[in-house]
Amino acid sequence: DMDEKIEKRTGLSITDIFSQRGEMYFRNMEHEMLKELINKDEILLSCGGGLPCFNDNMTLMNQHGLTIWLDPPVEVMVDRLKRKKYKRPLLKDLSDGQLLEFVNEKLAERTAFYSQAKLIINPIDYSVESLTQKIMSCKEPT
């Protein structure tokens, strides 16, 4: 998980990084961490929704491996985000209605990046086990 790696490296929570140093500091930290991780063998990287959209990260990821966009319906995303919005600096103060609007706006901005993924999957069509099997079976040959 990219956020966990950044928190470990900085000693700060993602919320604290955003409030103390700003979003661009965080995005640059993500990019630097991605460049470090991208050349490692057999890595599965879970990234936040913004990572593919900054610093040409999607191109970098596509050049070095299989990229997968897990694309659930908006309602599913909003429901999941509601449960963890306290951990997400851009979401923590939003009402449910504002959260839905935010998700729709971000999807409109980010879909051009996400759609560059080599594989797009609607995860609600699968159990966790079958989704894992599908992803593992799509591993690119080295």
N, C-alpha and C. Protein backbone atom coordinates (compact mmCIF):
# COMPACT_ATOMS: atom_id res chain seq x y z
N ASP A 1 0.84 -1.18 0.00
CA ASP A 1 0.00 0.00 0.00
C ASP A 1 0.89 1.24 0.00
N MET A 2 0.75 2.07 -1.02
CA MET A 2 1.61 3.24 -1.18
C MET A 2 1.47 4.20 0.01
N ASP A 3 0.25 4.45 0.47
CA ASP A 3 0.06 5.37 1.59
C ASP A 3 0.80 4.88 2.83
N GLU A 4 0.72 3.58 3.11
CA GLU A 4 1.41 3.03 4.28
C GLU A 4 2.92 3.21 4.16
N LYS A 5 3.46 3.02 2.96
CA LYS A 5 4.90 3.20 2.76
C LYS A 5 5.31 4.66 3.00
N ILE A 6 4.49 5.59 2.53
CA ILE A 6 4.78 7.01 2.73
C ILE A 6 4.68 7.38 4.20
N GLU A 7 3.67 6.86 4.89
CA GLU A 7 3.55 7.13 6.32
C GLU A 7 4.75 6.60 7.09
N LYS A 8 5.19 5.41 6.73
CA LYS A 8 6.35 4.82 7.40
C LYS A 8 7.61 5.65 7.15
N ARG A 9 7.80 6.07 5.92
CA ARG A 9 9.00 6.84 5.58
C ARG A 9 9.02 8.20 6.26
N THR A 10 7.87 8.88 6.29
CA THR A 10 7.83 10.24 6.83
C THR A 10 7.58 10.30 8.33
N GLY A 11 7.02 9.22 8.88
CA GLY A 11 6.64 9.25 10.28
C GLY A 11 5.38 10.07 10.52
N LEU A 12 4.67 10.42 9.45
CA LEU A 12 3.45 11.22 9.55
C LEU A 12 2.29 10.47 8.90
N SER A 13 1.10 10.71 9.40
CA SER A 13 -0.08 10.16 8.73
C SER A 13 -0.31 10.94 7.44
N ILE A 14 -1.06 10.36 6.52
CA ILE A 14 -1.38 11.06 5.27
C ILE A 14 -2.11 12.35 5.58
N THR A 15 -3.02 12.32 6.55
CA THR A 15 -3.74 13.53 6.96
C THR A 15 -2.77 14.60 7.41
N ASP A 16 -1.77 14.23 8.22
CA ASP A 16 -0.79 15.21 8.69
C ASP A 16 0.09 15.73 7.56
N ILE A 17 0.45 14.87 6.63
CA ILE A 17 1.25 15.32 5.48
C ILE A 17 0.47 16.38 4.71
N PHE A 18 -0.80 16.11 4.43
CA PHE A 18 -1.62 17.08 3.70
C PHE A 18 -1.74 18.39 4.47
N SER A 19 -2.00 18.32 5.77
CA SER A 19 -2.23 19.55 6.53
C SER A 19 -0.93 20.32 6.80
N GLN A 20 0.18 19.62 7.00
CA GLN A 20 1.43 20.28 7.33
C GLN A 20 2.27 20.66 6.11
N ARG A 21 2.20 19.84 5.06
CA ARG A 21 3.10 20.06 3.92
C ARG A 21 2.38 20.27 2.60
N GLY A 22 1.10 19.90 2.53
CA GLY A 22 0.31 20.16 1.34
C GLY A 22 0.23 18.98 0.39
N GLU A 23 -0.76 19.06 -0.51
CA GLU A 23 -1.01 17.97 -1.44
C GLU A 23 0.15 17.76 -2.41
N MET A 24 0.76 18.85 -2.91
CA MET A 24 1.84 18.67 -3.89
C MET A 24 3.05 17.97 -3.28
N TYR A 25 3.35 18.26 -2.01
CA TYR A 25 4.43 17.53 -1.34
C TYR A 25 4.11 16.03 -1.34
N PHE A 26 2.86 15.71 -0.99
CA PHE A 26 2.43 14.31 -0.96
C PHE A 26 2.54 13.68 -2.34
N ARG A 27 2.07 14.39 -3.38
CA ARG A 27 2.10 13.84 -4.74
C ARG A 27 3.54 13.62 -5.20
N ASN A 28 4.43 14.52 -4.85
CA ASN A 28 5.84 14.34 -5.21
C ASN A 28 6.45 13.16 -4.44
N MET A 29 6.06 13.00 -3.19
CA MET A 29 6.54 11.86 -2.40
C MET A 29 6.04 10.55 -3.01
N GLU A 30 4.77 10.52 -3.44
CA GLU A 30 4.23 9.34 -4.12
C GLU A 30 5.06 9.00 -5.35
N HIS A 31 5.38 10.02 -6.14
CA HIS A 31 6.13 9.80 -7.38
C HIS A 31 7.52 9.24 -7.08
N GLU A 32 8.19 9.81 -6.11
CA GLU A 32 9.53 9.32 -5.76
C GLU A 32 9.47 7.88 -5.26
N MET A 33 8.48 7.58 -4.45
CA MET A 33 8.33 6.21 -3.94
C MET A 33 8.01 5.25 -5.09
N LEU A 34 7.16 5.69 -6.01
CA LEU A 34 6.83 4.86 -7.17
C LEU A 34 8.09 4.55 -7.98
N LYS A 35 8.93 5.54 -8.21
CA LYS A 35 10.17 5.31 -8.97
C LYS A 35 11.07 4.30 -8.27
N GLU A 36 11.07 4.30 -6.94
CA GLU A 36 11.86 3.33 -6.20
C GLU A 36 11.29 1.91 -6.33
N LEU A 37 9.97 1.81 -6.28
CA LEU A 37 9.32 0.50 -6.25
C LEU A 37 9.14 -0.13 -7.61
N ILE A 38 9.10 0.68 -8.65
CA ILE A 38 8.68 0.23 -9.98
C ILE A 38 9.60 -0.84 -10.58
N ASN A 39 10.84 -0.84 -10.19
CA ASN A 39 11.78 -1.80 -10.77
C ASN A 39 11.95 -3.07 -9.96
N LYS A 40 11.24 -3.17 -8.86
CA LYS A 40 11.33 -4.39 -8.06
C LYS A 40 10.55 -5.51 -8.74
N ASP A 41 11.02 -6.73 -8.56
CA ASP A 41 10.34 -7.89 -9.13
C ASP A 41 9.14 -8.28 -8.28
N GLU A 42 8.12 -8.79 -8.95
CA GLU A 42 6.97 -9.39 -8.27
C GLU A 42 6.36 -8.48 -7.21
N ILE A 43 5.98 -7.28 -7.59
CA ILE A 43 5.37 -6.35 -6.65
C ILE A 43 3.93 -6.08 -7.06
N LEU A 44 3.06 -6.06 -6.07
CA LEU A 44 1.68 -5.66 -6.26
C LEU A 44 1.51 -4.37 -5.48
N LEU A 45 1.21 -3.29 -6.16
CA LEU A 45 1.14 -1.98 -5.54
C LEU A 45 -0.30 -1.49 -5.51
N SER A 46 -0.78 -1.22 -4.34
CA SER A 46 -2.10 -0.61 -4.17
C SER A 46 -1.88 0.89 -4.02
N CYS A 47 -2.45 1.65 -4.93
CA CYS A 47 -2.22 3.10 -4.87
C CYS A 47 -3.54 3.83 -4.66
N GLY A 48 -3.45 5.02 -4.13
CA GLY A 48 -4.62 5.86 -3.97
C GLY A 48 -5.12 6.36 -5.32
N GLY A 49 -6.28 6.96 -5.31
CA GLY A 49 -6.91 7.41 -6.55
C GLY A 49 -6.19 8.51 -7.28
N GLY A 50 -5.35 9.27 -6.59
CA GLY A 50 -4.66 10.37 -7.24
C GLY A 50 -3.35 9.99 -7.90
N LEU A 51 -2.71 8.94 -7.43
CA LEU A 51 -1.37 8.60 -7.93
C LEU A 51 -1.29 8.50 -9.45
N PRO A 52 -2.22 7.83 -10.13
CA PRO A 52 -2.09 7.72 -11.59
C PRO A 52 -2.21 9.05 -12.33
N CYS A 53 -2.70 10.08 -11.65
CA CYS A 53 -3.07 11.34 -12.31
C CYS A 53 -2.02 12.43 -12.19
N PHE A 54 -0.92 12.16 -11.54
CA PHE A 54 0.11 13.17 -11.32
C PHE A 54 1.46 12.67 -11.80
N ASN A 55 2.31 13.60 -12.20
CA ASN A 55 3.72 13.33 -12.50
C ASN A 55 3.93 12.23 -13.53
N ASP A 56 2.99 12.05 -14.44
CA ASP A 56 3.07 11.03 -15.48
C ASP A 56 3.21 9.62 -14.90
N ASN A 57 2.63 9.42 -13.72
CA ASN A 57 2.75 8.13 -13.03
C ASN A 57 2.09 6.99 -13.78
N MET A 58 0.96 7.25 -14.43
CA MET A 58 0.27 6.15 -15.14
C MET A 58 1.14 5.63 -16.27
N THR A 59 1.77 6.53 -17.00
CA THR A 59 2.68 6.11 -18.07
C THR A 59 3.82 5.29 -17.49
N LEU A 60 4.38 5.75 -16.40
CA LEU A 60 5.48 5.05 -15.75
C LEU A 60 5.05 3.64 -15.32
N MET A 61 3.89 3.54 -14.72
CA MET A 61 3.41 2.22 -14.29
C MET A 61 3.14 1.31 -15.48
N ASN A 62 2.56 1.85 -16.54
CA ASN A 62 2.29 1.04 -17.74
C ASN A 62 3.57 0.56 -18.41
N GLN A 63 4.63 1.34 -18.32
CA GLN A 63 5.90 0.95 -18.92
C GLN A 63 6.58 -0.19 -18.15
N HIS A 64 6.21 -0.35 -16.89
CA HIS A 64 6.92 -1.30 -16.04
C HIS A 64 6.09 -2.48 -15.57
N GLY A 65 4.84 -2.57 -15.98
CA GLY A 65 4.06 -3.70 -15.52
C GLY A 65 2.61 -3.65 -15.93
N LEU A 66 1.86 -4.53 -15.35
CA LEU A 66 0.43 -4.64 -15.61
C LEU A 66 -0.31 -3.68 -14.68
N THR A 67 -1.07 -2.77 -15.25
CA THR A 67 -1.88 -1.85 -14.46
C THR A 67 -3.33 -2.30 -14.52
N ILE A 68 -3.98 -2.24 -13.37
CA ILE A 68 -5.37 -2.69 -13.27
C ILE A 68 -6.18 -1.59 -12.59
N TRP A 69 -7.28 -1.22 -13.23
CA TRP A 69 -8.22 -0.28 -12.63
C TRP A 69 -9.39 -1.09 -12.10
N LEU A 70 -9.54 -1.12 -10.79
CA LEU A 70 -10.72 -1.72 -10.18
C LEU A 70 -11.79 -0.64 -10.18
N ASP A 71 -12.81 -0.83 -10.99
CA ASP A 71 -13.79 0.21 -11.31
C ASP A 71 -15.20 -0.17 -10.83
N PRO A 72 -15.46 -0.02 -9.53
CA PRO A 72 -16.80 -0.33 -9.04
C PRO A 72 -17.77 0.81 -9.36
N PRO A 73 -19.07 0.57 -9.23
CA PRO A 73 -20.04 1.65 -9.41
C PRO A 73 -19.80 2.76 -8.38
N VAL A 74 -20.20 3.97 -8.73
CA VAL A 74 -20.00 5.13 -7.85
C VAL A 74 -20.59 4.89 -6.46
N GLU A 75 -21.77 4.29 -6.40
CA GLU A 75 -22.42 4.07 -5.11
C GLU A 75 -21.56 3.19 -4.20
N VAL A 76 -20.90 2.21 -4.78
CA VAL A 76 -20.03 1.33 -4.00
C VAL A 76 -18.82 2.11 -3.50
N MET A 77 -18.23 2.93 -4.37
CA MET A 77 -17.09 3.75 -3.94
C MET A 77 -17.47 4.68 -2.80
N VAL A 78 -18.61 5.35 -2.94
CA VAL A 78 -19.05 6.29 -1.91
C VAL A 78 -19.28 5.56 -0.59
N ASP A 79 -19.91 4.41 -0.64
CA ASP A 79 -20.16 3.64 0.58
C ASP A 79 -18.85 3.25 1.26
N ARG A 80 -17.88 2.81 0.49
CA ARG A 80 -16.57 2.43 1.06
C ARG A 80 -15.85 3.64 1.63
N LEU A 81 -15.91 4.76 0.91
CA LEU A 81 -15.23 5.97 1.37
C LEU A 81 -15.86 6.54 2.63
N LYS A 82 -17.16 6.42 2.78
CA LYS A 82 -17.84 6.91 3.99
C LYS A 82 -17.24 6.28 5.23
N ARG A 83 -16.92 5.00 5.15
CA ARG A 83 -16.42 4.26 6.30
C ARG A 83 -14.99 4.64 6.68
N LYS A 84 -14.26 5.23 5.73
CA LYS A 84 -12.86 5.54 6.02
C LYS A 84 -12.51 7.00 5.73
N LYS A 85 -13.50 7.86 5.63
CA LYS A 85 -13.18 9.23 5.23
C LYS A 85 -12.37 9.98 6.28
N TYR A 86 -12.42 9.54 7.54
CA TYR A 86 -11.60 10.16 8.58
C TYR A 86 -10.11 10.01 8.28
N LYS A 87 -9.74 9.02 7.47
CA LYS A 87 -8.33 8.79 7.12
C LYS A 87 -7.93 9.50 5.83
N ARG A 88 -8.88 10.16 5.18
CA ARG A 88 -8.62 10.78 3.88
C ARG A 88 -8.78 12.28 3.99
N PRO A 89 -7.68 13.00 3.89
CA PRO A 89 -7.70 14.45 4.12
C PRO A 89 -8.68 15.22 3.24
N LEU A 90 -8.83 14.81 2.00
CA LEU A 90 -9.71 15.55 1.10
C LEU A 90 -11.19 15.24 1.36
N LEU A 91 -11.48 14.23 2.17
CA LEU A 91 -12.86 13.78 2.37
C LEU A 91 -13.40 13.99 3.77
N LYS A 92 -12.53 14.14 4.74
CA LYS A 92 -12.94 14.03 6.14
C LYS A 92 -14.03 15.00 6.57
N ASP A 93 -14.13 16.16 5.95
CA ASP A 93 -15.13 17.15 6.37
C ASP A 93 -16.36 17.20 5.47
N LEU A 94 -16.50 16.26 4.55
CA LEU A 94 -17.61 16.28 3.60
C LEU A 94 -18.84 15.56 4.14
N SER A 95 -20.02 16.12 3.87
CA SER A 95 -21.27 15.42 4.16
C SER A 95 -21.43 14.29 3.14
N ASP A 96 -22.41 13.42 3.35
CA ASP A 96 -22.63 12.33 2.40
C ASP A 96 -22.93 12.85 1.00
N GLY A 97 -23.75 13.89 0.91
CA GLY A 97 -24.07 14.49 -0.39
C GLY A 97 -22.85 15.10 -1.06
N GLN A 98 -22.04 15.79 -0.25
CA GLN A 98 -20.81 16.38 -0.79
C GLN A 98 -19.83 15.30 -1.22
N LEU A 99 -19.81 14.19 -0.48
CA LEU A 99 -18.92 13.08 -0.83
C LEU A 99 -19.31 12.50 -2.19
N LEU A 100 -20.60 12.30 -2.42
CA LEU A 100 -21.06 11.81 -3.71
C LEU A 100 -20.66 12.77 -4.83
N GLU A 101 -20.85 14.06 -4.60
CA GLU A 101 -20.47 15.07 -5.60
C GLU A 101 -18.97 15.05 -5.84
N PHE A 102 -18.19 14.94 -4.77
CA PHE A 102 -16.73 14.89 -4.87
C PHE A 102 -16.29 13.69 -5.70
N VAL A 103 -16.85 12.52 -5.42
CA VAL A 103 -16.48 11.31 -6.15
C VAL A 103 -16.80 11.46 -7.63
N ASN A 104 -17.97 11.97 -7.94
CA ASN A 104 -18.34 12.18 -9.34
C ASN A 104 -17.40 13.17 -10.04
N GLU A 105 -17.03 14.25 -9.35
CA GLU A 105 -16.10 15.22 -9.92
C GLU A 105 -14.73 14.60 -10.15
N LYS A 106 -14.23 13.88 -9.16
CA LYS A 106 -12.90 13.27 -9.30
C LYS A 106 -12.89 12.23 -10.41
N LEU A 107 -13.95 11.45 -10.51
CA LEU A 107 -14.02 10.47 -11.60
C LEU A 107 -14.00 11.16 -12.95
N ALA A 108 -14.72 12.26 -13.07
CA ALA A 108 -14.72 13.00 -14.34
C ALA A 108 -13.32 13.50 -14.68
N GLU A 109 -12.58 13.95 -13.67
CA GLU A 109 -11.21 14.45 -13.88
C GLU A 109 -10.23 13.32 -14.15
N ARG A 110 -10.42 12.18 -13.51
CA ARG A 110 -9.40 11.14 -13.48
C ARG A 110 -9.62 9.97 -14.43
N THR A 111 -10.81 9.84 -14.97
CA THR A 111 -11.11 8.68 -15.82
C THR A 111 -10.15 8.59 -17.01
N ALA A 112 -9.73 9.71 -17.56
CA ALA A 112 -8.78 9.68 -18.68
C ALA A 112 -7.48 8.98 -18.28
N PHE A 113 -7.07 9.13 -17.03
CA PHE A 113 -5.86 8.45 -16.55
C PHE A 113 -6.16 6.99 -16.23
N TYR A 114 -7.23 6.76 -15.48
CA TYR A 114 -7.58 5.40 -15.09
C TYR A 114 -7.80 4.49 -16.30
N SER A 115 -8.42 5.05 -17.33
CA SER A 115 -8.75 4.22 -18.50
C SER A 115 -7.52 3.79 -19.30
N GLN A 116 -6.35 4.31 -18.95
CA GLN A 116 -5.11 3.87 -19.57
C GLN A 116 -4.62 2.55 -18.98
N ALA A 117 -5.27 2.08 -17.92
CA ALA A 117 -4.88 0.80 -17.32
C ALA A 117 -5.01 -0.30 -18.36
N LYS A 118 -4.13 -1.27 -18.26
CA LYS A 118 -4.13 -2.37 -19.22
C LYS A 118 -5.30 -3.33 -19.00
N LEU A 119 -5.85 -3.32 -17.80
CA LEU A 119 -6.98 -4.18 -17.48
C LEU A 119 -7.94 -3.39 -16.61
N ILE A 120 -9.23 -3.43 -16.96
CA ILE A 120 -10.26 -2.73 -16.19
C ILE A 120 -11.26 -3.78 -15.71
N ILE A 121 -11.50 -3.80 -14.41
CA ILE A 121 -12.36 -4.81 -13.81
C ILE A 121 -13.38 -4.12 -12.90
N ASN A 122 -14.64 -4.53 -13.03
CA ASN A 122 -15.66 -4.13 -12.05
C ASN A 122 -15.60 -5.16 -10.93
N PRO A 123 -15.05 -4.80 -9.77
CA PRO A 123 -14.82 -5.79 -8.73
C PRO A 123 -16.08 -6.37 -8.11
N ILE A 124 -17.23 -5.72 -8.26
CA ILE A 124 -18.43 -6.28 -7.64
C ILE A 124 -18.91 -7.53 -8.36
N ASP A 125 -18.35 -7.79 -9.53
CA ASP A 125 -18.70 -9.00 -10.27
C ASP A 125 -17.99 -10.25 -9.73
N TYR A 126 -17.12 -10.07 -8.73
CA TYR A 126 -16.27 -11.17 -8.26
C TYR A 126 -16.25 -11.24 -6.74
N SER A 127 -16.03 -12.43 -6.22
CA SER A 127 -15.70 -12.57 -4.80
C SER A 127 -14.24 -12.14 -4.66
N VAL A 128 -13.80 -11.93 -3.44
CA VAL A 128 -12.40 -11.56 -3.21
C VAL A 128 -11.48 -12.63 -3.79
N GLU A 129 -11.83 -13.89 -3.58
CA GLU A 129 -10.99 -14.99 -4.06
C GLU A 129 -10.94 -15.03 -5.58
N SER A 130 -12.09 -14.91 -6.23
CA SER A 130 -12.09 -14.99 -7.69
C SER A 130 -11.46 -13.75 -8.32
N LEU A 131 -11.59 -12.60 -7.67
CA LEU A 131 -10.92 -11.39 -8.17
C LEU A 131 -9.40 -11.55 -8.07
N THR A 132 -8.95 -12.09 -6.95
CA THR A 132 -7.51 -12.33 -6.78
C THR A 132 -7.01 -13.30 -7.85
N GLN A 133 -7.76 -14.37 -8.10
CA GLN A 133 -7.36 -15.33 -9.13
C GLN A 133 -7.32 -14.68 -10.51
N LYS A 134 -8.31 -13.85 -10.81
CA LYS A 134 -8.34 -13.18 -12.11
C LYS A 134 -7.11 -12.29 -12.28
N ILE A 135 -6.81 -11.51 -11.26
CA ILE A 135 -5.66 -10.61 -11.34
C ILE A 135 -4.37 -11.41 -11.49
N MET A 136 -4.21 -12.46 -10.70
CA MET A 136 -2.99 -13.26 -10.77
C MET A 136 -2.85 -13.97 -12.11
N SER A 137 -3.95 -14.34 -12.72
CA SER A 137 -3.89 -15.03 -14.02
C SER A 137 -3.56 -14.07 -15.16
N CYS A 138 -3.68 -12.78 -14.92
CA CYS A 138 -3.41 -11.78 -15.95
C CYS A 138 -1.99 -11.24 -15.89
N LYS A 139 -1.18 -11.79 -15.02
CA LYS A 139 0.20 -11.32 -14.87
C LYS A 139 0.91 -11.34 -16.21
N GLU A 140 1.56 -10.22 -16.53
CA GLU A 140 2.28 -10.12 -17.80
C GLU A 140 3.51 -11.01 -17.78
N PRO A 141 3.84 -11.63 -18.91
CA PRO A 141 5.07 -12.42 -18.96
C PRO A 141 6.28 -11.50 -18.87
N THR A 142 7.34 -12.01 -18.26
CA THR A 142 8.56 -11.20 -18.12
C THR A 142 9.51 -11.46 -19.26
